[in-house]
Amino acid sequence: MPKIKTRRAAAKRFTVTGSGEFKRNKAFKSHILEKKSPKRKRNLRKAALATAADKNRVKRMLPYA
């Protein structure tokens, strides 16, 4: 059986934690930052986990993660 290709776009966006969950960065941090409060921008820096609804889709895109 041939190897499954990893979706490179997903590999750049998600990392796997020790417990098998997928860590992701938050959106809305790239531009139009003047109107966003420092607290909001600071919280956008922190990583988040992919939701349970997306976990199966991400797992399919990263077969060897």
C-alpha atoms as a PDB file:
ATOM      1  CA  MET A   1       0.000   0.000   0.000  1.00  0.00           C
ATOM      2  CA  PRO A   2       1.454   3.397  -0.925  1.00  0.00           C
ATOM      3  CA  LYS A   3       2.293   6.071   1.560  1.00  0.00           C
ATOM      4  CA  ILE A   4      -0.285   8.827   2.132  1.00  0.00           C
ATOM      5  CA  LYS A   5       0.814  12.341   1.316  1.00  0.00           C
ATOM      6  CA  THR A   6       0.658  14.965   4.035  1.00  0.00           C
ATOM      7  CA  ARG A   7      -1.182  18.170   3.204  1.00  0.00           C
ATOM      8  CA  ARG A   8       1.665  20.671   3.480  1.00  0.00           C
ATOM      9  CA  ALA A   9      -0.663  23.613   4.204  1.00  0.00           C
ATOM     10  CA  ALA A  10      -2.030  21.789   7.254  1.00  0.00           C
ATOM     11  CA  ALA A  11       1.448  20.727   8.377  1.00  0.00           C
ATOM     12  CA  LYS A  12       2.490  24.382   8.503  1.00  0.00           C
ATOM     13  CA  ARG A  13      -0.538  25.360  10.604  1.00  0.00           C
ATOM     14  CA  PHE A  14      -0.935  22.545  13.135  1.00  0.00           C
ATOM     15  CA  THR A  15       1.383  20.779  15.572  1.00  0.00           C
ATOM     16  CA  VAL A  16       0.503  17.702  17.594  1.00  0.00           C
ATOM     17  CA  THR A  17       0.616  17.828  21.397  1.00  0.00           C
ATOM     18  CA  GLY A  18       1.748  14.928  23.552  1.00  0.00           C
ATOM     19  CA  SER A  19      -1.845  13.897  24.203  1.00  0.00           C
ATOM     20  CA  GLY A  20      -2.618  13.808  20.460  1.00  0.00           C
ATOM     21  CA  GLU A  21      -4.532  17.083  20.185  1.00  0.00           C
ATOM     22  CA  PHE A  22      -3.776  19.662  17.507  1.00  0.00           C
ATOM     23  CA  LYS A  23      -2.349  23.031  18.471  1.00  0.00           C
ATOM     24  CA  ARG A  24      -3.090  26.018  16.228  1.00  0.00           C
ATOM     25  CA  ASN A  25      -2.441  29.741  16.115  1.00  0.00           C
ATOM     26  CA  LYS A  26      -5.282  32.219  16.406  1.00  0.00           C
ATOM     27  CA  ALA A  27      -6.527  34.285  13.475  1.00  0.00           C
ATOM     28  CA  PHE A  28      -6.954  38.090  13.157  1.00  0.00           C
ATOM     29  CA  LYS A  29      -3.377  38.981  14.147  1.00  0.00           C
ATOM     30  CA  SER A  30      -1.922  39.946  10.758  1.00  0.00           C
ATOM     31  CA  HIS A  31      -3.175  43.464   9.973  1.00  0.00           C
ATOM     32  CA  ILE A  32      -5.531  46.277  11.080  1.00  0.00           C
ATOM     33  CA  LEU A  33      -3.923  46.119  14.514  1.00  0.00           C
ATOM     34  CA  GLU A  34      -4.334  49.784  15.503  1.00  0.00           C
ATOM     35  CA  LYS A  35      -7.975  49.438  16.437  1.00  0.00           C
ATOM     36  CA  LYS A  36      -7.451  46.254  18.442  1.00  0.00           C
ATOM     37  CA  SER A  37      -6.703  46.659  22.128  1.00  0.00           C
ATOM     38  CA  PRO A  38      -3.351  45.511  23.563  1.00  0.00           C
ATOM     39  CA  LYS A  39      -5.178  42.928  25.673  1.00  0.00           C
ATOM     40  CA  ARG A  40      -6.880  41.476  22.611  1.00  0.00           C
ATOM     41  CA  LYS A  41      -3.610  41.345  20.646  1.00  0.00           C
ATOM     42  CA  ARG A  42      -1.824  39.745  23.592  1.00  0.00           C
ATOM     43  CA  ASN A  43      -4.481  37.025  23.823  1.00  0.00           C
ATOM     44  CA  LEU A  44      -4.218  36.375  20.085  1.00  0.00           C
ATOM     45  CA  ARG A  45      -0.547  35.458  20.602  1.00  0.00           C
ATOM     46  CA  LYS A  46      -1.436  32.411  22.687  1.00  0.00           C
ATOM     47  CA  ALA A  47      -1.906  29.095  20.952  1.00  0.00           C
ATOM     48  CA  ALA A  48      -5.271  27.325  20.991  1.00  0.00           C
ATOM     49  CA  LEU A  49      -6.415  23.775  20.342  1.00  0.00           C
ATOM     50  CA  ALA A  50      -8.368  22.689  17.288  1.00  0.00           C
ATOM     51  CA  THR A  51     -11.994  21.964  18.153  1.00  0.00           C
ATOM     52  CA  ALA A  52     -13.365  18.444  18.365  1.00  0.00           C
ATOM     53  CA  ALA A  53     -15.386  19.095  15.208  1.00  0.00           C
ATOM     54  CA  ASP A  54     -12.196  19.812  13.230  1.00  0.00           C
ATOM     55  CA  LYS A  55     -10.012  17.144  14.829  1.00  0.00           C
ATOM     56  CA  ASN A  56     -10.994  14.357  12.415  1.00  0.00           C
ATOM     57  CA  ARG A  57     -10.429  16.570   9.377  1.00  0.00           C
ATOM     58  CA  VAL A  58      -6.997  17.652  10.602  1.00  0.00           C
ATOM     59  CA  LYS A  59      -6.070  14.066  11.419  1.00  0.00           C
ATOM     60  CA  ARG A  60      -6.917  13.050   7.846  1.00  0.00           C
ATOM     61  CA  MET A  61      -4.718  15.848   6.474  1.00  0.00           C
ATOM     62  CA  LEU A  62      -1.795  14.871   8.731  1.00  0.00           C
ATOM     63  CA  PRO A  63      -1.707  11.073   8.553  1.00  0.00           C
ATOM     64  CA  TYR A  64       1.700  10.670  10.239  1.00  0.00           C
ATOM     65  CA  ALA A  65       1.298  13.280  12.977  1.00  0.00           C
END
